[in-house]
Amino acid sequence: MITAKTDIYCVVGNPVSHSKSPLIHNYIFNKLGIDAVYVAFEVKNLETFFSFVRDVGIKGVSITIPHKVDALKFVDKVEEFALKIGAINTVKNINGVLEGYNTDIEGIIKSFESSGIDSLEGKTAMIIGNGGVARSCVWAFVKMRIRSIIVVGRNYSKVLQFVNEVKPNFEFIDGGEFREIDKFFDKVDVIANCTPLGMYPNVDEMPIDSEYLLSKHIVFDTIYTPSETKFLKLSREVGAKVVYGLDMFVYQALAQEKIWFGNEEIFSMKDEIINLLNQIR
C-alpha cells in the first residue's frame, strides 16, 4: 500500500515505455518488504527533471537512453570510475545531495561471467557504437584485461572524439570507419553491439552482416528486448560464444539495488528476475 511514507524511485529516459525496470524493482521491493514504489518518467529536459528529484525527494534514479552522458552535469558527486567513463546510469539521493554511479560495468562483467568468460586477457574487441553504453563496455573490458579495442560507428567524427576521450586512461584503443568494418573481423576476438539495432520492434535489424560472424568470436549484444536478438541467434548458429544483454540488464539493476539499500546478497535474485521477465514476454 502506497502512503505518504512510501519512498519513490524511478527510471528516466526518452523513450522509456519499453523499460522493464519498473517491473524488476517493484518486484524486489515487494519481495523484500521495502516500502517504496518505482515509476517511469519520459523526460527531455534533464535540468528540470533533477530539480524535481530534489524537490520531491525521489530517493533513487535509473538513467537510460539517451541521458547517461548528459546526466553527469546534474549530480553533485560522481564515483571515480563513472567519471572516467563519462556516463552514469544510477543516482542516489542523500538528503538532496545527488550521487552518480555506473552499474553497467558490473552488469557487463557479470553477464560475461554467466557465460563462462571470466577474463578477456590477450584479446581484441570491436565495439560498435559510441554512446553511453559503449563507454561502459570499454571500461568493463579494461577491467577484464582486454589487450586492445577498436571502436566503429557510422559517424566517424564522433567515434574519434570518443576514442580521444578514452585514450588518456587506456592507450590501446583506436577508431575505425564503419564502411571499412569488413577488414577488422579476422583481427578481433570479441564483438559488442552497443547500438539500438535489433531492439524491439525492429527485431530484424543487425549491426553488421552475418557473413562476418565467425565461430572464434565472443559476441555480446547490449539489447535485452528481445532476449535473444537476431544478431545473437545467428552468432550462436555459427558456433560463436554469446553473451546476453538480458543478463547485463538484470545484473545492472541488481547493482543499483545494492547501491540504494546496501544489500550485498541481492545478486542471488538474478535467476528469479530472469524468470519473471521471461514470463511476461
C-alpha atoms as a PDB file:
ATOM      1  CA  MET A   1       0.000   0.000   0.000  1.00  0.00           C
ATOM      2  CA  ILE A   2       1.356   3.407  -1.014  1.00  0.00           C
ATOM      3  CA  THR A   3       1.306   6.009   1.762  1.00  0.00           C
ATOM      4  CA  ALA A   4       2.905   9.394   2.476  1.00  0.00           C
ATOM      5  CA  LYS A   5       5.895   7.476   3.872  1.00  0.00           C
ATOM      6  CA  THR A   6       6.457   5.414   0.713  1.00  0.00           C
ATOM      7  CA  ASP A   7       9.796   6.217  -0.938  1.00  0.00           C
ATOM      8  CA  ILE A   8       9.861   6.937  -4.673  1.00  0.00           C
ATOM      9  CA  TYR A   9      12.395   5.551  -7.164  1.00  0.00           C
ATOM     10  CA  CYS A  10      12.235   5.934 -10.928  1.00  0.00           C
ATOM     11  CA  VAL A  11      13.732   5.407 -14.362  1.00  0.00           C
ATOM     12  CA  VAL A  12      14.235   8.373 -16.685  1.00  0.00           C
ATOM     13  CA  GLY A  13      14.720   8.150 -20.444  1.00  0.00           C
ATOM     14  CA  ASN A  14      13.258   9.074 -23.820  1.00  0.00           C
ATOM     15  CA  PRO A  15      11.573   6.856 -24.844  1.00  0.00           C
ATOM     16  CA  VAL A  16      11.006   4.824 -21.698  1.00  0.00           C
ATOM     17  CA  SER A  17       7.712   2.992 -22.285  1.00  0.00           C
ATOM     18  CA  HIS A  18       9.600  -0.201 -23.212  1.00  0.00           C
ATOM     19  CA  SER A  19      11.587  -0.287 -19.964  1.00  0.00           C
ATOM     20  CA  LYS A  20      11.321  -3.358 -17.743  1.00  0.00           C
ATOM     21  CA  SER A  21      12.984  -1.534 -14.840  1.00  0.00           C
ATOM     22  CA  PRO A  22       9.685  -0.806 -13.018  1.00  0.00           C
ATOM     23  CA  LEU A  23       8.777  -4.487 -13.173  1.00  0.00           C
ATOM     24  CA  ILE A  24      12.137  -5.556 -11.734  1.00  0.00           C
ATOM     25  CA  HIS A  25      12.440  -3.010  -8.947  1.00  0.00           C
ATOM     26  CA  ASN A  26       8.805  -3.146  -7.827  1.00  0.00           C
ATOM     27  CA  TYR A  27       9.071  -6.942  -7.695  1.00  0.00           C
ATOM     28  CA  ILE A  28      12.168  -6.653  -5.487  1.00  0.00           C
ATOM     29  CA  PHE A  29      10.546  -4.035  -3.237  1.00  0.00           C
ATOM     30  CA  ASN A  30       7.538  -6.295  -2.748  1.00  0.00           C
ATOM     31  CA  LYS A  31       9.622  -9.440  -2.226  1.00  0.00           C
ATOM     32  CA  LEU A  32      11.919  -7.820   0.348  1.00  0.00           C
ATOM     33  CA  GLY A  33       9.222  -5.801   2.108  1.00  0.00           C
ATOM     34  CA  ILE A  34      10.639  -2.386   1.147  1.00  0.00           C
ATOM     35  CA  ASP A  35       8.138   0.479   1.456  1.00  0.00           C
ATOM     36  CA  ALA A  36       8.893   2.014  -1.937  1.00  0.00           C
ATOM     37  CA  VAL A  37       7.468   2.368  -5.432  1.00  0.00           C
ATOM     38  CA  TYR A  38       9.310   2.598  -8.758  1.00  0.00           C
ATOM     39  CA  VAL A  39       7.872   4.561 -11.688  1.00  0.00           C
ATOM     40  CA  ALA A  40       8.932   5.641 -15.192  1.00  0.00           C
ATOM     41  CA  PHE A  41       9.379   9.212 -16.447  1.00  0.00           C
ATOM     42  CA  GLU A  42       9.770  10.061 -20.136  1.00  0.00           C
ATOM     43  CA  VAL A  43      11.865  13.228 -19.981  1.00  0.00           C
ATOM     44  CA  LYS A  44      13.574  15.536 -22.477  1.00  0.00           C
ATOM     45  CA  ASN A  45      14.760  18.298 -20.120  1.00  0.00           C
ATOM     46  CA  LEU A  46      17.119  16.825 -17.523  1.00  0.00           C
ATOM     47  CA  GLU A  47      17.707  20.083 -15.672  1.00  0.00           C
ATOM     48  CA  THR A  48      14.007  20.417 -14.861  1.00  0.00           C
ATOM     49  CA  PHE A  49      13.790  16.732 -14.015  1.00  0.00           C
ATOM     50  CA  PHE A  50      16.637  16.728 -11.489  1.00  0.00           C
ATOM     51  CA  SER A  51      15.221  19.843  -9.820  1.00  0.00           C
ATOM     52  CA  PHE A  52      12.030  17.811  -9.471  1.00  0.00           C
ATOM     53  CA  VAL A  53      14.019  14.906  -7.980  1.00  0.00           C
ATOM     54  CA  ARG A  54      15.414  17.203  -5.292  1.00  0.00           C
ATOM     55  CA  ASP A  55      12.122  18.996  -4.617  1.00  0.00           C
ATOM     56  CA  VAL A  56      10.031  15.841  -4.313  1.00  0.00           C
ATOM     57  CA  GLY A  57      12.728  13.807  -2.581  1.00  0.00           C
ATOM     58  CA  ILE A  58      12.934  10.939  -5.059  1.00  0.00           C
ATOM     59  CA  LYS A  59      15.379   8.531  -3.418  1.00  0.00           C
ATOM     60  CA  GLY A  60      16.955   6.948  -6.477  1.00  0.00           C
ATOM     61  CA  VAL A  61      17.004   7.229 -10.257  1.00  0.00           C
ATOM     62  CA  SER A  62      17.877   4.786 -13.026  1.00  0.00           C
ATOM     63  CA  ILE A  63      19.062   6.565 -16.180  1.00  0.00           C
ATOM     64  CA  THR A  64      18.636   5.095 -19.636  1.00  0.00           C
ATOM     65  CA  ILE A  65      18.964   6.173 -23.287  1.00  0.00           C
ATOM     66  CA  PRO A  66      19.694   8.952 -24.222  1.00  0.00           C
ATOM     67  CA  HIS A  67      20.567  10.620 -20.901  1.00  0.00           C
ATOM     68  CA  LYS A  68      23.514   8.633 -19.476  1.00  0.00           C
ATOM     69  CA  VAL A  69      26.172  11.143 -20.557  1.00  0.00           C
ATOM     70  CA  ASP A  70      24.266  14.398 -20.015  1.00  0.00           C
ATOM     71  CA  ALA A  71      23.093  13.348 -16.532  1.00  0.00           C
ATOM     72  CA  LEU A  72      26.635  13.900 -15.253  1.00  0.00           C
ATOM     73  CA  LYS A  73      26.017  17.657 -15.364  1.00  0.00           C
ATOM     74  CA  PHE A  74      23.194  17.496 -12.849  1.00  0.00           C
ATOM     75  CA  VAL A  75      24.611  15.446  -9.962  1.00  0.00           C
ATOM     76  CA  ASP A  76      26.752  16.665  -7.070  1.00  0.00           C
ATOM     77  CA  LYS A  77      29.161  13.747  -6.710  1.00  0.00           C
ATOM     78  CA  VAL A  78      30.308  11.050  -9.138  1.00  0.00           C
ATOM     79  CA  GLU A  79      32.154   7.832  -8.339  1.00  0.00           C
ATOM     80  CA  GLU A  80      35.671   7.755  -9.812  1.00  0.00           C
ATOM     81  CA  PHE A  81      35.088   5.080 -12.448  1.00  0.00           C
ATOM     82  CA  ALA A  82      31.846   6.664 -13.666  1.00  0.00           C
ATOM     83  CA  LEU A  83      33.738   9.937 -14.046  1.00  0.00           C
ATOM     84  CA  LYS A  84      36.344   8.196 -16.216  1.00  0.00           C
ATOM     85  CA  ILE A  85      33.608   6.617 -18.310  1.00  0.00           C
ATOM     86  CA  GLY A  86      31.789   9.909 -18.714  1.00  0.00           C
ATOM     87  CA  ALA A  87      28.375   8.331 -18.152  1.00  0.00           C
ATOM     88  CA  ILE A  88      26.135   7.423 -15.230  1.00  0.00           C
ATOM     89  CA  ASN A  89      23.080   5.179 -15.059  1.00  0.00           C
ATOM     90  CA  THR A  90      22.290   5.413 -11.338  1.00  0.00           C
ATOM     91  CA  VAL A  91      21.629   8.259  -8.914  1.00  0.00           C
ATOM     92  CA  LYS A  92      21.269   8.038  -5.146  1.00  0.00           C
ATOM     93  CA  ASN A  93      19.661  10.995  -3.386  1.00  0.00           C
ATOM     94  CA  ILE A  94      21.051  11.529   0.128  1.00  0.00           C
ATOM     95  CA  ASN A  95      19.202  14.465   1.698  1.00  0.00           C
ATOM     96  CA  GLY A  96      19.267  16.453  -1.536  1.00  0.00           C
ATOM     97  CA  VAL A  97      22.845  15.544  -2.486  1.00  0.00           C
ATOM     98  CA  LEU A  98      22.769  13.542  -5.724  1.00  0.00           C
ATOM     99  CA  GLU A  99      25.454  10.877  -6.143  1.00  0.00           C
ATOM    100  CA  GLY A 100      26.110   9.389  -9.596  1.00  0.00           C
ATOM    101  CA  TYR A 101      27.190   5.817 -10.296  1.00  0.00           C
ATOM    102  CA  ASN A 102      27.576   3.476 -13.249  1.00  0.00           C
ATOM    103  CA  THR A 103      26.373  -0.089 -12.690  1.00  0.00           C
ATOM    104  CA  ASP A 104      26.546  -1.016 -16.386  1.00  0.00           C
ATOM    105  CA  ILE A 105      30.191  -2.019 -15.890  1.00  0.00           C
ATOM    106  CA  GLU A 106      29.331  -4.507 -13.177  1.00  0.00           C
ATOM    107  CA  GLY A 107      26.385  -5.705 -15.257  1.00  0.00           C
ATOM    108  CA  ILE A 108      28.607  -6.345 -18.286  1.00  0.00           C
ATOM    109  CA  ILE A 109      31.300  -8.168 -16.312  1.00  0.00           C
ATOM    110  CA  LYS A 110      28.779 -10.381 -14.512  1.00  0.00           C
ATOM    111  CA  SER A 111      26.985 -11.182 -17.785  1.00  0.00           C
ATOM    112  CA  PHE A 112      30.269 -12.405 -19.280  1.00  0.00           C
ATOM    113  CA  GLU A 113      30.900 -14.467 -16.152  1.00  0.00           C
ATOM    114  CA  SER A 114      27.421 -16.002 -16.554  1.00  0.00           C
ATOM    115  CA  SER A 115      28.524 -17.192 -20.000  1.00  0.00           C
ATOM    116  CA  GLY A 116      31.677 -18.740 -18.529  1.00  0.00           C
ATOM    117  CA  ILE A 117      34.038 -15.905 -19.503  1.00  0.00           C
ATOM    118  CA  ASP A 118      35.998 -14.554 -16.532  1.00  0.00           C
ATOM    119  CA  SER A 119      38.759 -12.745 -18.432  1.00  0.00           C
ATOM    120  CA  LEU A 120      39.448 -11.178 -21.834  1.00  0.00           C
ATOM    121  CA  GLU A 121      43.202 -11.163 -21.335  1.00  0.00           C
ATOM    122  CA  GLY A 122      45.123 -11.096 -24.612  1.00  0.00           C
ATOM    123  CA  LYS A 123      42.011 -10.480 -26.718  1.00  0.00           C
ATOM    124  CA  THR A 124      40.996  -7.674 -29.081  1.00  0.00           C
ATOM    125  CA  ALA A 125      37.453  -6.310 -29.020  1.00  0.00           C
ATOM    126  CA  MET A 126      35.404  -4.407 -31.564  1.00  0.00           C
ATOM    127  CA  ILE A 127      32.763  -2.144 -30.041  1.00  0.00           C
ATOM    128  CA  ILE A 128      30.018  -0.996 -32.410  1.00  0.00           C
ATOM    129  CA  GLY A 129      28.621   2.345 -31.243  1.00  0.00           C
ATOM    130  CA  ASN A 130      29.904   5.302 -29.266  1.00  0.00           C
ATOM    131  CA  GLY A 131      27.186   6.223 -26.764  1.00  0.00           C
ATOM    132  CA  GLY A 132      26.949   5.811 -23.001  1.00  0.00           C
ATOM    133  CA  VAL A 133      26.737   2.023 -23.001  1.00  0.00           C
ATOM    134  CA  ALA A 134      29.758   1.821 -25.332  1.00  0.00           C
ATOM    135  CA  ARG A 135      31.732   3.826 -22.776  1.00  0.00           C
ATOM    136  CA  SER A 136      30.728   1.353 -20.082  1.00  0.00           C
ATOM    137  CA  CYS A 137      31.676  -1.527 -22.354  1.00  0.00           C
ATOM    138  CA  VAL A 138      35.177  -0.109 -22.834  1.00  0.00           C
ATOM    139  CA  TRP A 139      35.815   0.063 -19.108  1.00  0.00           C
ATOM    140  CA  ALA A 140      34.256  -3.313 -18.378  1.00  0.00           C
ATOM    141  CA  PHE A 141      36.599  -4.818 -20.969  1.00  0.00           C
ATOM    142  CA  VAL A 142      39.566  -2.941 -19.494  1.00  0.00           C
ATOM    143  CA  LYS A 143      38.733  -4.385 -16.081  1.00  0.00           C
ATOM    144  CA  MET A 144      38.590  -7.824 -17.733  1.00  0.00           C
ATOM    145  CA  ARG A 145      42.146  -7.228 -19.023  1.00  0.00           C
ATOM    146  CA  ILE A 146      41.391  -6.767 -22.721  1.00  0.00           C
ATOM    147  CA  ARG A 147      44.513  -6.238 -24.844  1.00  0.00           C
ATOM    148  CA  SER A 148      43.105  -3.716 -27.330  1.00  0.00           C
ATOM    149  CA  ILE A 149      39.841  -2.185 -28.531  1.00  0.00           C
ATOM    150  CA  ILE A 150      38.565  -0.926 -31.891  1.00  0.00           C
ATOM    151  CA  VAL A 151      35.517   1.365 -31.821  1.00  0.00           C
ATOM    152  CA  VAL A 152      33.457   1.681 -35.005  1.00  0.00           C
ATOM    153  CA  GLY A 153      30.387   3.748 -35.800  1.00  0.00           C
ATOM    154  CA  ARG A 154      28.550   5.417 -38.650  1.00  0.00           C
ATOM    155  CA  ASN A 155      29.601   8.898 -37.504  1.00  0.00           C
ATOM    156  CA  TYR A 156      33.390   8.700 -37.702  1.00  0.00           C
ATOM    157  CA  SER A 157      33.973  12.131 -36.171  1.00  0.00           C
ATOM    158  CA  LYS A 158      32.041  11.068 -33.054  1.00  0.00           C
ATOM    159  CA  VAL A 159      34.000   7.812 -32.946  1.00  0.00           C
ATOM    160  CA  LEU A 160      37.286   9.743 -32.978  1.00  0.00           C
ATOM    161  CA  GLN A 161      36.026  12.080 -30.260  1.00  0.00           C
ATOM    162  CA  PHE A 162      35.058   9.041 -28.173  1.00  0.00           C
ATOM    163  CA  VAL A 163      38.467   7.406 -28.694  1.00  0.00           C
ATOM    164  CA  ASN A 164      40.363  10.598 -27.841  1.00  0.00           C
ATOM    165  CA  GLU A 165      38.434  10.908 -24.580  1.00  0.00           C
ATOM    166  CA  VAL A 166      39.346   7.345 -23.573  1.00  0.00           C
ATOM    167  CA  LYS A 167      42.998   7.278 -24.714  1.00  0.00           C
ATOM    168  CA  PRO A 168      44.475   9.118 -21.697  1.00  0.00           C
ATOM    169  CA  ASN A 169      43.240   6.257 -19.492  1.00  0.00           C
ATOM    170  CA  PHE A 170      43.590   3.334 -21.938  1.00  0.00           C
ATOM    171  CA  GLU A 171      46.028   3.859 -24.787  1.00  0.00           C
ATOM    172  CA  PHE A 172      45.277   0.649 -26.708  1.00  0.00           C
ATOM    173  CA  ILE A 173      42.068   1.943 -28.282  1.00  0.00           C
ATOM    174  CA  ASP A 174      41.524   3.094 -31.872  1.00  0.00           C
ATOM    175  CA  GLY A 175      38.646   4.150 -34.086  1.00  0.00           C
ATOM    176  CA  GLY A 176      37.523   2.629 -37.343  1.00  0.00           C
ATOM    177  CA  GLU A 177      35.215   3.773 -40.115  1.00  0.00           C
ATOM    178  CA  PHE A 178      32.041   1.727 -40.434  1.00  0.00           C
ATOM    179  CA  ARG A 179      32.392   1.458 -44.217  1.00  0.00           C
ATOM    180  CA  GLU A 180      35.705  -0.362 -43.655  1.00  0.00           C
ATOM    181  CA  ILE A 181      34.358  -2.660 -40.962  1.00  0.00           C
ATOM    182  CA  ASP A 182      34.960  -5.817 -43.007  1.00  0.00           C
ATOM    183  CA  LYS A 183      38.740  -5.557 -42.536  1.00  0.00           C
ATOM    184  CA  PHE A 184      38.523  -5.943 -38.740  1.00  0.00           C
ATOM    185  CA  PHE A 185      36.748  -9.265 -38.238  1.00  0.00           C
ATOM    186  CA  ASP A 186      39.755 -11.546 -38.677  1.00  0.00           C
ATOM    187  CA  LYS A 187      41.646  -9.454 -36.112  1.00  0.00           C
ATOM    188  CA  VAL A 188      39.050  -9.307 -33.341  1.00  0.00           C
ATOM    189  CA  ASP A 189      38.016 -11.896 -30.762  1.00  0.00           C
ATOM    190  CA  VAL A 190      35.099 -10.028 -29.178  1.00  0.00           C
ATOM    191  CA  ILE A 191      32.275  -8.142 -30.924  1.00  0.00           C
ATOM    192  CA  ALA A 192      29.979  -5.931 -28.848  1.00  0.00           C
ATOM    193  CA  ASN A 193      26.830  -4.294 -30.193  1.00  0.00           C
ATOM    194  CA  CYS A 194      26.292  -1.044 -28.292  1.00  0.00           C
ATOM    195  CA  THR A 195      23.694   0.356 -30.706  1.00  0.00           C
ATOM    196  CA  PRO A 196      19.868   0.030 -30.682  1.00  0.00           C
ATOM    197  CA  LEU A 197      19.950  -2.022 -33.912  1.00  0.00           C
ATOM    198  CA  GLY A 198      17.839  -5.141 -33.388  1.00  0.00           C
ATOM    199  CA  MET A 199      15.805  -3.774 -30.479  1.00  0.00           C
ATOM    200  CA  TYR A 200      12.069  -4.442 -30.429  1.00  0.00           C
ATOM    201  CA  PRO A 201      10.087  -3.692 -32.581  1.00  0.00           C
ATOM    202  CA  ASN A 202      12.865  -3.578 -35.227  1.00  0.00           C
ATOM    203  CA  VAL A 203      13.933  -7.136 -34.489  1.00  0.00           C
ATOM    204  CA  ASP A 204      15.236  -7.908 -37.995  1.00  0.00           C
ATOM    205  CA  GLU A 205      17.897  -5.191 -37.903  1.00  0.00           C
ATOM    206  CA  MET A 206      21.548  -6.186 -37.453  1.00  0.00           C
ATOM    207  CA  PRO A 207      24.571  -4.058 -36.500  1.00  0.00           C
ATOM    208  CA  ILE A 208      26.695  -5.993 -39.027  1.00  0.00           C
ATOM    209  CA  ASP A 209      26.127  -8.537 -41.800  1.00  0.00           C
ATOM    210  CA  SER A 210      26.001 -12.128 -40.571  1.00  0.00           C
ATOM    211  CA  GLU A 211      28.683 -13.158 -43.082  1.00  0.00           C
ATOM    212  CA  TYR A 212      31.297 -11.567 -40.812  1.00  0.00           C
ATOM    213  CA  LEU A 213      30.442 -13.722 -37.788  1.00  0.00           C
ATOM    214  CA  LEU A 214      32.982 -16.447 -37.036  1.00  0.00           C
ATOM    215  CA  SER A 215      32.990 -19.367 -34.623  1.00  0.00           C
ATOM    216  CA  LYS A 216      36.049 -17.902 -32.859  1.00  0.00           C
ATOM    217  CA  HIS A 217      34.137 -14.773 -31.845  1.00  0.00           C
ATOM    218  CA  ILE A 218      32.652 -13.910 -28.477  1.00  0.00           C
ATOM    219  CA  VAL A 219      29.542 -11.893 -29.371  1.00  0.00           C
ATOM    220  CA  PHE A 220      27.858  -9.561 -26.893  1.00  0.00           C
ATOM    221  CA  ASP A 221      24.634  -7.649 -27.521  1.00  0.00           C
ATOM    222  CA  THR A 222      23.601  -4.951 -25.039  1.00  0.00           C
ATOM    223  CA  ILE A 223      19.985  -5.146 -26.261  1.00  0.00           C
ATOM    224  CA  TYR A 224      17.641  -7.078 -23.963  1.00  0.00           C
ATOM    225  CA  THR A 225      14.342  -6.866 -25.879  1.00  0.00           C
ATOM    226  CA  PRO A 226      14.146  -9.420 -27.411  1.00  0.00           C
ATOM    227  CA  SER A 227      16.179 -11.554 -25.001  1.00  0.00           C
ATOM    228  CA  GLU A 228      17.907 -13.229 -27.962  1.00  0.00           C
ATOM    229  CA  THR A 229      18.378 -10.780 -30.804  1.00  0.00           C
ATOM    230  CA  LYS A 230      18.791 -11.877 -34.408  1.00  0.00           C
ATOM    231  CA  PHE A 231      22.447 -10.865 -34.028  1.00  0.00           C
ATOM    232  CA  LEU A 232      22.959 -13.280 -31.118  1.00  0.00           C
ATOM    233  CA  LYS A 233      20.893 -16.055 -32.693  1.00  0.00           C
ATOM    234  CA  LEU A 234      22.946 -16.041 -35.903  1.00  0.00           C
ATOM    235  CA  SER A 235      26.174 -15.778 -33.893  1.00  0.00           C
ATOM    236  CA  ARG A 236      25.201 -18.813 -31.841  1.00  0.00           C
ATOM    237  CA  GLU A 237      24.323 -20.733 -35.009  1.00  0.00           C
ATOM    238  CA  VAL A 238      27.839 -20.260 -36.448  1.00  0.00           C
ATOM    239  CA  GLY A 239      29.353 -21.548 -33.207  1.00  0.00           C
ATOM    240  CA  ALA A 240      30.304 -18.248 -31.579  1.00  0.00           C
ATOM    241  CA  LYS A 241      30.056 -17.853 -27.818  1.00  0.00           C
ATOM    242  CA  VAL A 242      27.269 -15.395 -26.996  1.00  0.00           C
ATOM    243  CA  VAL A 243      26.700 -13.057 -24.051  1.00  0.00           C
ATOM    244  CA  TYR A 244      23.172 -11.816 -23.464  1.00  0.00           C
ATOM    245  CA  GLY A 245      22.085  -8.237 -22.910  1.00  0.00           C
ATOM    246  CA  LEU A 246      19.255  -9.512 -20.705  1.00  0.00           C
ATOM    247  CA  ASP A 247      21.825 -10.819 -18.221  1.00  0.00           C
ATOM    248  CA  MET A 248      23.592  -7.450 -18.274  1.00  0.00           C
ATOM    249  CA  PHE A 249      20.306  -5.609 -17.771  1.00  0.00           C
ATOM    250  CA  VAL A 250      19.301  -7.689 -14.760  1.00  0.00           C
ATOM    251  CA  TYR A 251      22.741  -7.543 -13.159  1.00  0.00           C
ATOM    252  CA  GLN A 252      22.984  -3.753 -13.529  1.00  0.00           C
ATOM    253  CA  ALA A 253      19.529  -3.387 -11.967  1.00  0.00           C
ATOM    254  CA  LEU A 254      20.549  -5.577  -9.022  1.00  0.00           C
ATOM    255  CA  ALA A 255      23.726  -3.496  -8.651  1.00  0.00           C
ATOM    256  CA  GLN A 256      21.501  -0.411  -8.403  1.00  0.00           C
ATOM    257  CA  GLU A 257      19.598  -2.054  -5.556  1.00  0.00           C
ATOM    258  CA  LYS A 258      22.938  -2.707  -3.847  1.00  0.00           C
ATOM    259  CA  ILE A 259      23.812   0.999  -4.099  1.00  0.00           C
ATOM    260  CA  TRP A 260      20.424   2.195  -2.859  1.00  0.00           C
ATOM    261  CA  PHE A 261      19.992  -0.267   0.017  1.00  0.00           C
ATOM    262  CA  GLY A 262      23.437  -1.759   0.711  1.00  0.00           C
ATOM    263  CA  ASN A 263      22.220  -5.315   0.090  1.00  0.00           C
ATOM    264  CA  GLU A 264      25.287  -7.362  -0.892  1.00  0.00           C
ATOM    265  CA  GLU A 265      23.212 -10.556  -1.306  1.00  0.00           C
ATOM    266  CA  ILE A 266      20.898  -9.079  -3.932  1.00  0.00           C
ATOM    267  CA  PHE A 267      22.644 -10.825  -6.858  1.00  0.00           C
ATOM    268  CA  SER A 268      21.241 -14.164  -5.670  1.00  0.00           C
ATOM    269  CA  MET A 269      17.907 -12.994  -7.161  1.00  0.00           C
ATOM    270  CA  LYS A 270      19.277 -12.926 -10.736  1.00  0.00           C
ATOM    271  CA  ASP A 271      17.681 -16.167 -11.978  1.00  0.00           C
ATOM    272  CA  GLU A 272      14.399 -15.295 -10.261  1.00  0.00           C
ATOM    273  CA  ILE A 273      14.299 -11.942 -12.073  1.00  0.00           C
ATOM    274  CA  ILE A 274      15.180 -13.548 -15.429  1.00  0.00           C
ATOM    275  CA  ASN A 275      12.278 -15.988 -14.964  1.00  0.00           C
ATOM    276  CA  LEU A 276       9.965 -13.088 -14.108  1.00  0.00           C
ATOM    277  CA  LEU A 277      10.904 -11.236 -17.299  1.00  0.00           C
ATOM    278  CA  ASN A 278      10.533 -14.354 -19.440  1.00  0.00           C
ATOM    279  CA  GLN A 279       7.025 -14.945 -18.090  1.00  0.00           C
ATOM    280  CA  ILE A 280       5.731 -11.585 -19.287  1.00  0.00           C
ATOM    281  CA  ARG A 281       7.138 -11.759 -22.838  1.00  0.00           C
END
